[in-house]
Amino acid sequence: MKKINIGLLGFGNVGSGTYETLYMNKEHIEKKSDIDISVSKILVRNLEKYKTSKVPFELFTDNPDDILEDENIDIVVEVLGGVEPATSYMIKALENGKHVVTANKKLLAEYGNEIFALAAEKNV
């Protein structure tokens, strides 16, 4: 079974919903795709806020490089919103050969051409 590690940039409504959906459907996804998808790291602003979370605390980090520089993370899911630092993080992820997922319309409207060109160059 192939393993795919995901790094979440953000854990607000969308980020926590993404985590919950992947966690709740993990078995179903594995059966249908023969892929083990796991969230390996979650970027948050304030670690203290998540000490009592149902999500294992060791998944949380306040250092974006724990995701962007981690060779074991295959896909970065950007759910921070806004243009910065989301754009810089996405560019760094792409430069490091990671696939990137976002629904950030403002970011894509302003930097989409640059991001898509870099993704094509890096074959991600």
PDB file of N, CA and C in Angstrom:
ATOM      1  N   MET A   1       0.851  -1.178   0.000  1.00  0.00           N
ATOM      2  CA  MET A   1       0.000   0.000   0.000  1.00  0.00           C
ATOM      3  C   MET A   1       0.891   1.234   0.000  1.00  0.00           C
ATOM      4  N   LYS A   2       0.597   2.151  -0.899  1.00  0.00           N
ATOM      5  CA  LYS A   2       1.334   3.412  -0.976  1.00  0.00           C
ATOM      6  C   LYS A   2       0.933   4.312   0.189  1.00  0.00           C
ATOM      7  N   LYS A   3       1.888   5.054   0.730  1.00  0.00           N
ATOM      8  CA  LYS A   3       1.611   5.981   1.829  1.00  0.00           C
ATOM      9  C   LYS A   3       1.804   7.414   1.343  1.00  0.00           C
ATOM     10  N   ILE A   4       0.847   8.269   1.657  1.00  0.00           N
ATOM     11  CA  ILE A   4       0.931   9.689   1.338  1.00  0.00           C
ATOM     12  C   ILE A   4       0.774  10.473   2.629  1.00  0.00           C
ATOM     13  N   ASN A   5       1.753  11.339   2.894  1.00  0.00           N
ATOM     14  CA  ASN A   5       1.725  12.190   4.082  1.00  0.00           C
ATOM     15  C   ASN A   5       1.312  13.602   3.695  1.00  0.00           C
ATOM     16  N   ILE A   6       0.416  14.151   4.480  1.00  0.00           N
ATOM     17  CA  ILE A   6      -0.129  15.487   4.229  1.00  0.00           C
ATOM     18  C   ILE A   6       0.286  16.428   5.345  1.00  0.00           C
ATOM     19  N   GLY A   7       0.641  17.648   4.966  1.00  0.00           N
ATOM     20  CA  GLY A   7       0.875  18.726   5.914  1.00  0.00           C
ATOM     21  C   GLY A   7      -0.216  19.764   5.724  1.00  0.00           C
ATOM     22  N   LEU A   8      -0.918  20.095   6.793  1.00  0.00           N
ATOM     23  CA  LEU A   8      -1.976  21.104   6.747  1.00  0.00           C
ATOM     24  C   LEU A   8      -1.420  22.449   7.197  1.00  0.00           C
ATOM     25  N   LEU A   9      -1.588  23.457   6.359  1.00  0.00           N
ATOM     26  CA  LEU A   9      -1.217  24.824   6.750  1.00  0.00           C
ATOM     27  C   LEU A   9      -2.492  25.502   7.206  1.00  0.00           C
ATOM     28  N   GLY A  10      -2.761  25.428   8.497  1.00  0.00           N
ATOM     29  CA  GLY A  10      -3.952  26.027   9.070  1.00  0.00           C
ATOM     30  C   GLY A  10      -4.875  24.975   9.661  1.00  0.00           C
ATOM     31  N   PHE A  11      -5.568  25.376  10.721  1.00  0.00           N
ATOM     32  CA  PHE A  11      -6.470  24.444  11.396  1.00  0.00           C
ATOM     33  C   PHE A  11      -7.701  25.170  11.929  1.00  0.00           C
ATOM     34  N   GLY A  12      -8.208  26.081  11.098  1.00  0.00           N
ATOM     35  CA  GLY A  12      -9.477  26.734  11.434  1.00  0.00           C
ATOM     36  C   GLY A  12     -10.615  25.826  11.013  1.00  0.00           C
ATOM     37  N   ASN A  13     -11.730  26.410  10.593  1.00  0.00           N
ATOM     38  CA  ASN A  13     -12.886  25.611  10.184  1.00  0.00           C
ATOM     39  C   ASN A  13     -12.552  24.669   9.026  1.00  0.00           C
ATOM     40  N   VAL A  14     -11.896  25.191   7.998  1.00  0.00           N
ATOM     41  CA  VAL A  14     -11.590  24.369   6.825  1.00  0.00           C
ATOM     42  C   VAL A  14     -10.506  23.343   7.150  1.00  0.00           C
ATOM     43  N   GLY A  15      -9.455  23.753   7.825  1.00  0.00           N
ATOM     44  CA  GLY A  15      -8.369  22.835   8.161  1.00  0.00           C
ATOM     45  C   GLY A  15      -8.821  21.715   9.086  1.00  0.00           C
ATOM     46  N   SER A  16      -9.568  22.060  10.116  1.00  0.00           N
ATOM     47  CA  SER A  16     -10.049  21.017  11.033  1.00  0.00           C
ATOM     48  C   SER A  16     -11.054  20.114  10.331  1.00  0.00           C
ATOM     49  N   GLY A  17     -11.861  20.675   9.444  1.00  0.00           N
ATOM     50  CA  GLY A  17     -12.802  19.863   8.672  1.00  0.00           C
ATOM     51  C   GLY A  17     -12.084  18.922   7.721  1.00  0.00           C
ATOM     52  N   THR A  18     -11.003  19.387   7.128  1.00  0.00           N
ATOM     53  CA  THR A  18     -10.199  18.550   6.241  1.00  0.00           C
ATOM     54  C   THR A  18      -9.590  17.402   7.029  1.00  0.00           C
ATOM     55  N   TYR A  19      -9.020  17.712   8.171  1.00  0.00           N
ATOM     56  CA  TYR A  19      -8.439  16.673   9.023  1.00  0.00           C
ATOM     57  C   TYR A  19      -9.499  15.651   9.413  1.00  0.00           C
ATOM     58  N   GLU A  20     -10.632  16.134   9.884  1.00  0.00           N
ATOM     59  CA  GLU A  20     -11.701  15.245  10.344  1.00  0.00           C
ATOM     60  C   GLU A  20     -12.205  14.353   9.209  1.00  0.00           C
ATOM     61  N   THR A  21     -12.382  14.920   8.032  1.00  0.00           N
ATOM     62  CA  THR A  21     -12.852  14.146   6.879  1.00  0.00           C
ATOM     63  C   THR A  21     -11.856  13.049   6.514  1.00  0.00           C
ATOM     64  N   LEU A  22     -10.575  13.394   6.464  1.00  0.00           N
ATOM     65  CA  LEU A  22      -9.557  12.390   6.149  1.00  0.00           C
ATOM     66  C   LEU A  22      -9.482  11.317   7.228  1.00  0.00           C
ATOM     67  N   TYR A  23      -9.575  11.732   8.482  1.00  0.00           N
ATOM     68  CA  TYR A  23      -9.484  10.800   9.601  1.00  0.00           C
ATOM     69  C   TYR A  23     -10.686   9.853   9.614  1.00  0.00           C
ATOM     70  N   MET A  24     -11.882  10.411   9.470  1.00  0.00           N
ATOM     71  CA  MET A  24     -13.102   9.603   9.528  1.00  0.00           C
ATOM     72  C   MET A  24     -13.232   8.655   8.336  1.00  0.00           C
ATOM     73  N   ASN A  25     -12.675   9.022   7.204  1.00  0.00           N
ATOM     74  CA  ASN A  25     -12.812   8.226   5.993  1.00  0.00           C
ATOM     75  C   ASN A  25     -11.547   7.448   5.626  1.00  0.00           C
ATOM     76  N   LYS A  26     -10.595   7.414   6.536  1.00  0.00           N
ATOM     77  CA  LYS A  26      -9.300   6.790   6.265  1.00  0.00           C
ATOM     78  C   LYS A  26      -9.448   5.350   5.761  1.00  0.00           C
ATOM     79  N   GLU A  27     -10.222   4.556   6.446  1.00  0.00           N
ATOM     80  CA  GLU A  27     -10.396   3.160   6.069  1.00  0.00           C
ATOM     81  C   GLU A  27     -11.042   3.028   4.683  1.00  0.00           C
ATOM     82  N   HIS A  28     -12.045   3.830   4.432  1.00  0.00           N
ATOM     83  CA  HIS A  28     -12.734   3.811   3.139  1.00  0.00           C
ATOM     84  C   HIS A  28     -11.787   4.227   2.006  1.00  0.00           C
ATOM     85  N   ILE A  29     -11.009   5.270   2.244  1.00  0.00           N
ATOM     86  CA  ILE A  29     -10.046   5.739   1.240  1.00  0.00           C
ATOM     87  C   ILE A  29      -9.027   4.645   0.945  1.00  0.00           C
ATOM     88  N   GLU A  30      -8.532   3.989   1.992  1.00  0.00           N
ATOM     89  CA  GLU A  30      -7.547   2.921   1.810  1.00  0.00           C
ATOM     90  C   GLU A  30      -8.115   1.772   0.982  1.00  0.00           C
ATOM     91  N   LYS A  31      -9.341   1.375   1.278  1.00  0.00           N
ATOM     92  CA  LYS A  31      -9.965   0.265   0.550  1.00  0.00           C
ATOM     93  C   LYS A  31     -10.174   0.608  -0.916  1.00  0.00           C
ATOM     94  N   LYS A  32     -10.609   1.840  -1.190  1.00  0.00           N
ATOM     95  CA  LYS A  32     -10.915   2.246  -2.562  1.00  0.00           C
ATOM     96  C   LYS A  32      -9.663   2.533  -3.390  1.00  0.00           C
ATOM     97  N   SER A  33      -8.620   3.044  -2.755  1.00  0.00           N
ATOM     98  CA  SER A  33      -7.461   3.521  -3.516  1.00  0.00           C
ATOM     99  C   SER A  33      -6.172   2.748  -3.274  1.00  0.00           C
ATOM    100  N   ASP A  34      -6.147   1.927  -2.243  1.00  0.00           N
ATOM    101  CA  ASP A  34      -4.932   1.235  -1.819  1.00  0.00           C
ATOM    102  C   ASP A  34      -3.829   2.242  -1.465  1.00  0.00           C
ATOM    103  N   ILE A  35      -4.265   3.371  -0.898  1.00  0.00           N
ATOM    104  CA  ILE A  35      -3.347   4.418  -0.464  1.00  0.00           C
ATOM    105  C   ILE A  35      -3.630   4.758   0.993  1.00  0.00           C
ATOM    106  N   ASP A  36      -2.590   4.780   1.788  1.00  0.00           N
ATOM    107  CA  ASP A  36      -2.685   5.174   3.193  1.00  0.00           C
ATOM    108  C   ASP A  36      -2.389   6.674   3.270  1.00  0.00           C
ATOM    109  N   ILE A  37      -3.449   7.470   3.480  1.00  0.00           N
ATOM    110  CA  ILE A  37      -3.292   8.925   3.574  1.00  0.00           C
ATOM    111  C   ILE A  37      -3.313   9.317   5.048  1.00  0.00           C
ATOM    112  N   SER A  38      -2.282  10.048   5.463  1.00  0.00           N
ATOM    113  CA  SER A  38      -2.189  10.482   6.849  1.00  0.00           C
ATOM    114  C   SER A  38      -1.795  11.951   6.924  1.00  0.00           C
ATOM    115  N   VAL A  39      -2.408  12.657   7.857  1.00  0.00           N
ATOM    116  CA  VAL A  39      -1.983  14.023   8.153  1.00  0.00           C
ATOM    117  C   VAL A  39      -0.815  13.900   9.122  1.00  0.00           C
ATOM    118  N   SER A  40       0.353  14.394   8.682  1.00  0.00           N
ATOM    119  CA  SER A  40       1.579  14.239   9.467  1.00  0.00           C
ATOM    120  C   SER A  40       1.897  15.442  10.338  1.00  0.00           C
ATOM    121  N   LYS A  41       1.525  16.634   9.865  1.00  0.00           N
ATOM    122  CA  LYS A  41       1.805  17.868  10.607  1.00  0.00           C
ATOM    123  C   LYS A  41       0.711  18.885  10.298  1.00  0.00           C
ATOM    124  N   ILE A  42       0.460  19.735  11.286  1.00  0.00           N
ATOM    125  CA  ILE A  42      -0.558  20.789  11.160  1.00  0.00           C
ATOM    126  C   ILE A  42       0.044  22.090  11.676  1.00  0.00           C
ATOM    127  N   LEU A  43       0.102  23.091  10.813  1.00  0.00           N
ATOM    128  CA  LEU A  43       0.628  24.400  11.209  1.00  0.00           C
ATOM    129  C   LEU A  43      -0.471  25.230  11.866  1.00  0.00           C
ATOM    130  N   VAL A  44      -0.178  25.730  13.059  1.00  0.00           N
ATOM    131  CA  VAL A  44      -1.089  26.614  13.792  1.00  0.00           C
ATOM    132  C   VAL A  44      -0.292  27.800  14.323  1.00  0.00           C
ATOM    133  N   ARG A  45      -0.998  28.868  14.655  1.00  0.00           N
ATOM    134  CA  ARG A  45      -0.313  30.046  15.208  1.00  0.00           C
ATOM    135  C   ARG A  45       0.036  29.868  16.681  1.00  0.00           C
ATOM    136  N   ASN A  46      -0.877  29.248  17.432  1.00  0.00           N
ATOM    137  CA  ASN A  46      -0.731  29.175  18.877  1.00  0.00           C
ATOM    138  C   ASN A  46      -0.858  27.722  19.337  1.00  0.00           C
ATOM    139  N   LEU A  47       0.259  27.104  19.649  1.00  0.00           N
ATOM    140  CA  LEU A  47       0.250  25.702  20.076  1.00  0.00           C
ATOM    141  C   LEU A  47      -0.565  25.474  21.343  1.00  0.00           C
ATOM    142  N   GLU A  48      -0.530  26.427  22.247  1.00  0.00           N
ATOM    143  CA  GLU A  48      -1.238  26.284  23.526  1.00  0.00           C
ATOM    144  C   GLU A  48      -2.718  25.973  23.324  1.00  0.00           C
ATOM    145  N   LYS A  49      -3.290  26.540  22.300  1.00  0.00           N
ATOM    146  CA  LYS A  49      -4.719  26.374  22.017  1.00  0.00           C
ATOM    147  C   LYS A  49      -5.086  24.910  21.741  1.00  0.00           C
ATOM    148  N   TYR A  50      -4.113  24.098  21.343  1.00  0.00           N
ATOM    149  CA  TYR A  50      -4.397  22.734  20.897  1.00  0.00           C
ATOM    150  C   TYR A  50      -3.919  21.658  21.864  1.00  0.00           C
ATOM    151  N   LYS A  51      -3.484  22.060  23.057  1.00  0.00           N
ATOM    152  CA  LYS A  51      -3.003  21.083  24.037  1.00  0.00           C
ATOM    153  C   LYS A  51      -4.097  20.137  24.499  1.00  0.00           C
ATOM    154  N   THR A  52      -5.337  20.569  24.447  1.00  0.00           N
ATOM    155  CA  THR A  52      -6.449  19.722  24.882  1.00  0.00           C
ATOM    156  C   THR A  52      -7.298  19.235  23.705  1.00  0.00           C
ATOM    157  N   SER A  53      -6.780  19.363  22.509  1.00  0.00           N
ATOM    158  CA  SER A  53      -7.494  18.937  21.311  1.00  0.00           C
ATOM    159  C   SER A  53      -7.604  17.415  21.267  1.00  0.00           C
ATOM    160  N   LYS A  54      -8.616  16.920  20.554  1.00  0.00           N
ATOM    161  CA  LYS A  54      -8.751  15.479  20.331  1.00  0.00           C
ATOM    162  C   LYS A  54      -7.690  14.979  19.351  1.00  0.00           C
ATOM    163  N   VAL A  55      -7.130  15.898  18.576  1.00  0.00           N
ATOM    164  CA  VAL A  55      -6.070  15.570  17.631  1.00  0.00           C
ATOM    165  C   VAL A  55      -4.772  15.429  18.426  1.00  0.00           C
ATOM    166  N   PRO A  56      -3.976  14.396  18.142  1.00  0.00           N
ATOM    167  CA  PRO A  56      -2.712  14.238  18.883  1.00  0.00           C
ATOM    168  C   PRO A  56      -1.855  15.505  18.819  1.00  0.00           C
ATOM    169  N   PHE A  57      -1.427  15.972  19.986  1.00  0.00           N
ATOM    170  CA  PHE A  57      -0.700  17.238  20.077  1.00  0.00           C
ATOM    171  C   PHE A  57       0.587  17.230  19.262  1.00  0.00           C
ATOM    172  N   GLU A  58       1.229  16.069  19.121  1.00  0.00           N
ATOM    173  CA  GLU A  58       2.498  16.004  18.391  1.00  0.00           C
ATOM    174  C   GLU A  58       2.346  16.317  16.905  1.00  0.00           C
ATOM    175  N   LEU A  59       1.121  16.338  16.395  1.00  0.00           N
ATOM    176  CA  LEU A  59       0.902  16.712  14.995  1.00  0.00           C
ATOM    177  C   LEU A  59       1.002  18.218  14.780  1.00  0.00           C
ATOM    178  N   PHE A  60       0.814  18.990  15.834  1.00  0.00           N
ATOM    179  CA  PHE A  60       0.794  20.449  15.716  1.00  0.00           C
ATOM    180  C   PHE A  60       2.198  21.040  15.763  1.00  0.00           C
ATOM    181  N   THR A  61       2.373  22.107  14.980  1.00  0.00           N
ATOM    182  CA  THR A  61       3.625  22.868  14.988  1.00  0.00           C
ATOM    183  C   THR A  61       3.288  24.331  14.730  1.00  0.00           C
ATOM    184  N   ASP A  62       4.149  25.206  15.204  1.00  0.00           N
ATOM    185  CA  ASP A  62       4.004  26.627  14.871  1.00  0.00           C
ATOM    186  C   ASP A  62       5.147  27.075  13.947  1.00  0.00           C
ATOM    187  N   ASN A  63       5.911  26.100  13.449  1.00  0.00           N
ATOM    188  CA  ASN A  63       7.024  26.370  12.543  1.00  0.00           C
ATOM    189  C   ASN A  63       6.680  25.829  11.154  1.00  0.00           C
ATOM    190  N   PRO A  64       6.434  26.700  10.169  1.00  0.00           N
ATOM    191  CA  PRO A  64       6.054  26.223   8.834  1.00  0.00           C
ATOM    192  C   PRO A  64       7.093  25.302   8.192  1.00  0.00           C
ATOM    193  N   ASP A  65       8.364  25.475   8.540  1.00  0.00           N
ATOM    194  CA  ASP A  65       9.404  24.619   7.958  1.00  0.00           C
ATOM    195  C   ASP A  65       9.278  23.164   8.398  1.00  0.00           C
ATOM    196  N   ASP A  66       8.587  22.909   9.507  1.00  0.00           N
ATOM    197  CA  ASP A  66       8.340  21.529   9.920  1.00  0.00           C
ATOM    198  C   ASP A  66       7.487  20.799   8.880  1.00  0.00           C
ATOM    199  N   ILE A  67       6.783  21.543   8.058  1.00  0.00           N
ATOM    200  CA  ILE A  67       6.002  20.975   6.962  1.00  0.00           C
ATOM    201  C   ILE A  67       6.719  21.186   5.637  1.00  0.00           C
ATOM    202  N   LEU A  68       7.112  22.413   5.378  1.00  0.00           N
ATOM    203  CA  LEU A  68       7.666  22.776   4.075  1.00  0.00           C
ATOM    204  C   LEU A  68       9.018  22.130   3.787  1.00  0.00           C
ATOM    205  N   GLU A  69       9.778  21.822   4.814  1.00  0.00           N
ATOM    206  CA  GLU A  69      11.116  21.232   4.652  1.00  0.00           C
ATOM    207  C   GLU A  69      11.142  19.727   4.945  1.00  0.00           C
ATOM    208  N   ASP A  70      10.029  19.180   5.376  1.00  0.00           N
ATOM    209  CA  ASP A  70       9.976  17.762   5.729  1.00  0.00           C
ATOM    210  C   ASP A  70       9.902  16.909   4.466  1.00  0.00           C
ATOM    211  N   GLU A  71      10.938  16.123   4.232  1.00  0.00           N
ATOM    212  CA  GLU A  71      11.005  15.292   3.027  1.00  0.00           C
ATOM    213  C   GLU A  71       9.935  14.212   2.999  1.00  0.00           C
ATOM    214  N   ASN A  72       9.348  13.890   4.147  1.00  0.00           N
ATOM    215  CA  ASN A  72       8.335  12.841   4.212  1.00  0.00           C
ATOM    216  C   ASN A  72       6.931  13.340   3.876  1.00  0.00           C
ATOM    217  N   ILE A  73       6.743  14.647   3.834  1.00  0.00           N
ATOM    218  CA  ILE A  73       5.433  15.193   3.495  1.00  0.00           C
ATOM    219  C   ILE A  73       5.338  15.341   1.985  1.00  0.00           C
ATOM    220  N   ASP A  74       4.305  14.721   1.420  1.00  0.00           N
ATOM    221  CA  ASP A  74       4.117  14.684  -0.025  1.00  0.00           C
ATOM    222  C   ASP A  74       3.204  15.796  -0.539  1.00  0.00           C
ATOM    223  N   ILE A  75       2.167  16.103   0.243  1.00  0.00           N
ATOM    224  CA  ILE A  75       1.160  17.077  -0.177  1.00  0.00           C
ATOM    225  C   ILE A  75       0.983  18.115   0.916  1.00  0.00           C
ATOM    226  N   VAL A  76       0.975  19.386   0.514  1.00  0.00           N
ATOM    227  CA  VAL A  76       0.696  20.482   1.436  1.00  0.00           C
ATOM    228  C   VAL A  76      -0.680  21.027   1.095  1.00  0.00           C
ATOM    229  N   VAL A  77      -1.544  21.083   2.098  1.00  0.00           N
ATOM    230  CA  VAL A  77      -2.889  21.627   1.918  1.00  0.00           C
ATOM    231  C   VAL A  77      -2.925  22.991   2.597  1.00  0.00           C
ATOM    232  N   GLU A  78      -3.070  24.040   1.791  1.00  0.00           N
ATOM    233  CA  GLU A  78      -3.076  25.410   2.302  1.00  0.00           C
ATOM    234  C   GLU A  78      -4.505  25.806   2.621  1.00  0.00           C
ATOM    235  N   VAL A  79      -4.791  26.012   3.889  1.00  0.00           N
ATOM    236  CA  VAL A  79      -6.115  26.450   4.342  1.00  0.00           C
ATOM    237  C   VAL A  79      -5.989  27.625   5.310  1.00  0.00           C
ATOM    238  N   LEU A  80      -4.964  28.450   5.070  1.00  0.00           N
ATOM    239  CA  LEU A  80      -4.738  29.624   5.913  1.00  0.00           C
ATOM    240  C   LEU A  80      -5.656  30.774   5.527  1.00  0.00           C
ATOM    241  N   GLY A  81      -5.922  30.903   4.230  1.00  0.00           N
ATOM    242  CA  GLY A  81      -6.654  32.061   3.737  1.00  0.00           C
ATOM    243  C   GLY A  81      -5.709  33.247   3.609  1.00  0.00           C
ATOM    244  N   GLY A  82      -6.191  34.280   2.957  1.00  0.00           N
ATOM    245  CA  GLY A  82      -5.367  35.464   2.739  1.00  0.00           C
ATOM    246  C   GLY A  82      -4.262  35.198   1.729  1.00  0.00           C
ATOM    247  N   VAL A  83      -3.513  36.243   1.437  1.00  0.00           N
ATOM    248  CA  VAL A  83      -2.467  36.130   0.422  1.00  0.00           C
ATOM    249  C   VAL A  83      -1.116  35.797   1.051  1.00  0.00           C
ATOM    250  N   GLU A  84      -0.770  36.444   2.120  1.00  0.00           N
ATOM    251  CA  GLU A  84       0.487  36.159   2.809  1.00  0.00           C
ATOM    252  C   GLU A  84       0.204  35.787   4.254  1.00  0.00           C
ATOM    253  N   PRO A  85       0.887  34.826   4.768  1.00  0.00           N
ATOM    254  CA  PRO A  85       2.063  34.135   4.239  1.00  0.00           C
ATOM    255  C   PRO A  85       1.730  32.934   3.334  1.00  0.00           C
ATOM    256  N   ALA A  86       0.458  32.730   3.013  1.00  0.00           N
ATOM    257  CA  ALA A  86       0.052  31.548   2.239  1.00  0.00           C
ATOM    258  C   ALA A  86       0.830  31.418   0.925  1.00  0.00           C
ATOM    259  N   THR A  87       0.996  32.532   0.201  1.00  0.00           N
ATOM    260  CA  THR A  87       1.705  32.471  -1.083  1.00  0.00           C
ATOM    261  C   THR A  87       3.147  32.029  -0.888  1.00  0.00           C
ATOM    262  N   SER A  88       3.823  32.638   0.049  1.00  0.00           N
ATOM    263  CA  SER A  88       5.230  32.280   0.310  1.00  0.00           C
ATOM    264  C   SER A  88       5.359  30.812   0.702  1.00  0.00           C
ATOM    265  N   TYR A  89       4.440  30.329   1.519  1.00  0.00           N
ATOM    266  CA  TYR A  89       4.483  28.929   1.944  1.00  0.00           C
ATOM    267  C   TYR A  89       4.240  28.001   0.760  1.00  0.00           C
ATOM    268  N   MET A  90       3.286  28.347  -0.085  1.00  0.00           N
ATOM    269  CA  MET A  90       2.990  27.502  -1.239  1.00  0.00           C
ATOM    270  C   MET A  90       4.182  27.451  -2.193  1.00  0.00           C
ATOM    271  N   ILE A  91       4.788  28.598  -2.431  1.00  0.00           N
ATOM    272  CA  ILE A  91       5.956  28.646  -3.326  1.00  0.00           C
ATOM    273  C   ILE A  91       7.092  27.795  -2.755  1.00  0.00           C
ATOM    274  N   LYS A  92       7.335  27.905  -1.466  1.00  0.00           N
ATOM    275  CA  LYS A  92       8.399  27.113  -0.845  1.00  0.00           C
ATOM    276  C   LYS A  92       8.082  25.619  -0.931  1.00  0.00           C
ATOM    277  N   ALA A  93       6.834  25.255  -0.721  1.00  0.00           N
ATOM    278  CA  ALA A  93       6.438  23.845  -0.828  1.00  0.00           C
ATOM    279  C   ALA A  93       6.685  23.326  -2.240  1.00  0.00           C
ATOM    280  N   LEU A  94       6.279  24.095  -3.232  1.00  0.00           N
ATOM    281  CA  LEU A  94       6.483  23.696  -4.624  1.00  0.00           C
ATOM    282  C   LEU A  94       7.971  23.586  -4.951  1.00  0.00           C
ATOM    283  N   GLU A  95       8.751  24.548  -4.491  1.00  0.00           N
ATOM    284  CA  GLU A  95      10.199  24.514  -4.723  1.00  0.00           C
ATOM    285  C   GLU A  95      10.833  23.268  -4.119  1.00  0.00           C
ATOM    286  N   ASN A  96      10.220  22.761  -3.047  1.00  0.00           N
ATOM    287  CA  ASN A  96      10.723  21.555  -2.389  1.00  0.00           C
ATOM    288  C   ASN A  96      10.085  20.291  -2.957  1.00  0.00           C
ATOM    289  N   GLY A  97       9.395  20.416  -4.089  1.00  0.00           N
ATOM    290  CA  GLY A  97       8.857  19.248  -4.773  1.00  0.00           C
ATOM    291  C   GLY A  97       7.596  18.666  -4.186  1.00  0.00           C
ATOM    292  N   LYS A  98       6.857  19.472  -3.439  1.00  0.00           N
ATOM    293  CA  LYS A  98       5.616  18.993  -2.833  1.00  0.00           C
ATOM    294  C   LYS A  98       4.419  19.406  -3.683  1.00  0.00           C
ATOM    295  N   HIS A  99       3.432  18.537  -3.738  1.00  0.00           N
ATOM    296  CA  HIS A  99       2.166  18.894  -4.361  1.00  0.00           C
ATOM    297  C   HIS A  99       1.459  19.853  -3.412  1.00  0.00           C
ATOM    298  N   VAL A 100       0.681  20.773  -3.965  1.00  0.00           N
ATOM    299  CA  VAL A 100      -0.012  21.765  -3.148  1.00  0.00           C
ATOM    300  C   VAL A 100      -1.489  21.783  -3.533  1.00  0.00           C
ATOM    301  N   VAL A 101      -2.336  21.845  -2.516  1.00  0.00           N
ATOM    302  CA  VAL A 101      -3.776  21.957  -2.712  1.00  0.00           C
ATOM    303  C   VAL A 101      -4.235  23.226  -2.005  1.00  0.00           C
ATOM    304  N   THR A 102      -5.053  24.023  -2.696  1.00  0.00           N
ATOM    305  CA  THR A 102      -5.625  25.218  -2.090  1.00  0.00           C
ATOM    306  C   THR A 102      -6.946  25.545  -2.763  1.00  0.00           C
ATOM    307  N   ALA A 103      -7.792  26.238  -2.036  1.00  0.00           N
ATOM    308  CA  ALA A 103      -9.028  26.776  -2.606  1.00  0.00           C
ATOM    309  C   ALA A 103      -9.021  28.292  -2.422  1.00  0.00           C
ATOM    310  N   ASN A 104      -7.827  28.838  -2.254  1.00  0.00           N
ATOM    311  CA  ASN A 104      -7.650  30.251  -1.950  1.00  0.00           C
ATOM    312  C   ASN A 104      -7.775  31.074  -3.240  1.00  0.00           C
ATOM    313  N   LYS A 105      -8.975  31.539  -3.509  1.00  0.00           N
ATOM    314  CA  LYS A 105      -9.248  32.254  -4.763  1.00  0.00           C
ATOM    315  C   LYS A 105      -8.476  33.559  -4.889  1.00  0.00           C
ATOM    316  N   LYS A 106      -8.369  34.300  -3.825  1.00  0.00           N
ATOM    317  CA  LYS A 106      -7.639  35.575  -3.879  1.00  0.00           C
ATOM    318  C   LYS A 106      -6.168  35.341  -4.213  1.00  0.00           C
ATOM    319  N   LEU A 107      -5.571  34.379  -3.557  1.00  0.00           N
ATOM    320  CA  LEU A 107      -4.170  34.043  -3.807  1.00  0.00           C
ATOM    321  C   LEU A 107      -3.978  33.611  -5.257  1.00  0.00           C
ATOM    322  N   LEU A 108      -4.847  32.747  -5.744  1.00  0.00           N
ATOM    323  CA  LEU A 108      -4.715  32.265  -7.122  1.00  0.00           C
ATOM    324  C   LEU A 108      -4.977  33.370  -8.137  1.00  0.00           C
ATOM    325  N   ALA A 109      -5.879  34.284  -7.820  1.00  0.00           N
ATOM    326  CA  ALA A 109      -6.140  35.395  -8.736  1.00  0.00           C
ATOM    327  C   ALA A 109      -4.911  36.286  -8.870  1.00  0.00           C
ATOM    328  N   GLU A 110      -4.199  36.485  -7.773  1.00  0.00           N
ATOM    329  CA  GLU A 110      -3.034  37.365  -7.787  1.00  0.00           C
ATOM    330  C   GLU A 110      -1.743  36.673  -8.220  1.00  0.00           C
ATOM    331  N   TYR A 111      -1.569  35.394  -7.842  1.00  0.00           N
ATOM    332  CA  TYR A 111      -0.292  34.715  -8.073  1.00  0.00           C
ATOM    333  C   TYR A 111      -0.438  33.377  -8.794  1.00  0.00           C
ATOM    334  N   GLY A 112      -1.619  33.107  -9.320  1.00  0.00           N
ATOM    335  CA  GLY A 112      -1.875  31.823  -9.962  1.00  0.00           C
ATOM    336  C   GLY A 112      -0.907  31.487 -11.076  1.00  0.00           C
ATOM    337  N   ASN A 113      -0.630  32.453 -11.962  1.00  0.00           N
ATOM    338  CA  ASN A 113       0.287  32.177 -13.080  1.00  0.00           C
ATOM    339  C   ASN A 113       1.661  31.747 -12.572  1.00  0.00           C
ATOM    340  N   GLU A 114       2.169  32.458 -11.590  1.00  0.00           N
ATOM    341  CA  GLU A 114       3.482  32.130 -11.014  1.00  0.00           C
ATOM    342  C   GLU A 114       3.458  30.746 -10.347  1.00  0.00           C
ATOM    343  N   ILE A 115       2.403  30.476  -9.596  1.00  0.00           N
ATOM    344  CA  ILE A 115       2.299  29.208  -8.874  1.00  0.00           C
ATOM    345  C   ILE A 115       2.154  28.040  -9.855  1.00  0.00           C
ATOM    346  N   PHE A 116       1.299  28.179 -10.857  1.00  0.00           N
ATOM    347  CA  PHE A 116       1.113  27.107 -11.830  1.00  0.00           C
ATOM    348  C   PHE A 116       2.385  26.867 -12.654  1.00  0.00           C
ATOM    349  N   ALA A 117       3.090  27.926 -12.989  1.00  0.00           N
ATOM    350  CA  ALA A 117       4.341  27.779 -13.739  1.00  0.00           C
ATOM    351  C   ALA A 117       5.376  27.038 -12.904  1.00  0.00           C
ATOM    352  N   LEU A 118       5.490  27.383 -11.633  1.00  0.00           N
ATOM    353  CA  LEU A 118       6.441  26.703 -10.747  1.00  0.00           C
ATOM    354  C   LEU A 118       6.040  25.237 -10.547  1.00  0.00           C
ATOM    355  N   ALA A 119       4.752  24.989 -10.383  1.00  0.00           N
ATOM    356  CA  ALA A 119       4.280  23.609 -10.238  1.00  0.00           C
ATOM    357  C   ALA A 119       4.632  22.779 -11.474  1.00  0.00           C
ATOM    358  N   ALA A 120       4.440  23.351 -12.644  1.00  0.00           N
ATOM    359  CA  ALA A 120       4.779  22.646 -13.885  1.00  0.00           C
ATOM    360  C   ALA A 120       6.280  22.387 -13.969  1.00  0.00           C
ATOM    361  N   GLU A 121       7.063  23.397 -13.622  1.00  0.00           N
ATOM    362  CA  GLU A 121       8.529  23.261 -13.642  1.00  0.00           C
ATOM    363  C   GLU A 121       9.003  22.147 -12.706  1.00  0.00           C
ATOM    364  N   LYS A 122       8.366  22.045 -11.550  1.00  0.00           N
ATOM    365  CA  LYS A 122       8.763  21.051 -10.545  1.00  0.00           C
ATOM    366  C   LYS A 122       8.034  19.721 -10.727  1.00  0.00           C
ATOM    367  N   ASN A 123       7.145  19.672 -11.721  1.00  0.00           N
ATOM    368  CA  ASN A 123       6.380  18.456 -12.026  1.00  0.00           C
ATOM    369  C   ASN A 123       5.549  17.983 -10.832  1.00  0.00           C
ATOM    370  N   VAL A 124       4.908  18.919 -10.191  1.00  0.00           N
ATOM    371  CA  VAL A 124       4.008  18.624  -9.071  1.00  0.00           C
ATOM    372  C   VAL A 124       2.677  19.309  -9.298  1.00  0.00           C
TER     373      VAL A 124
END
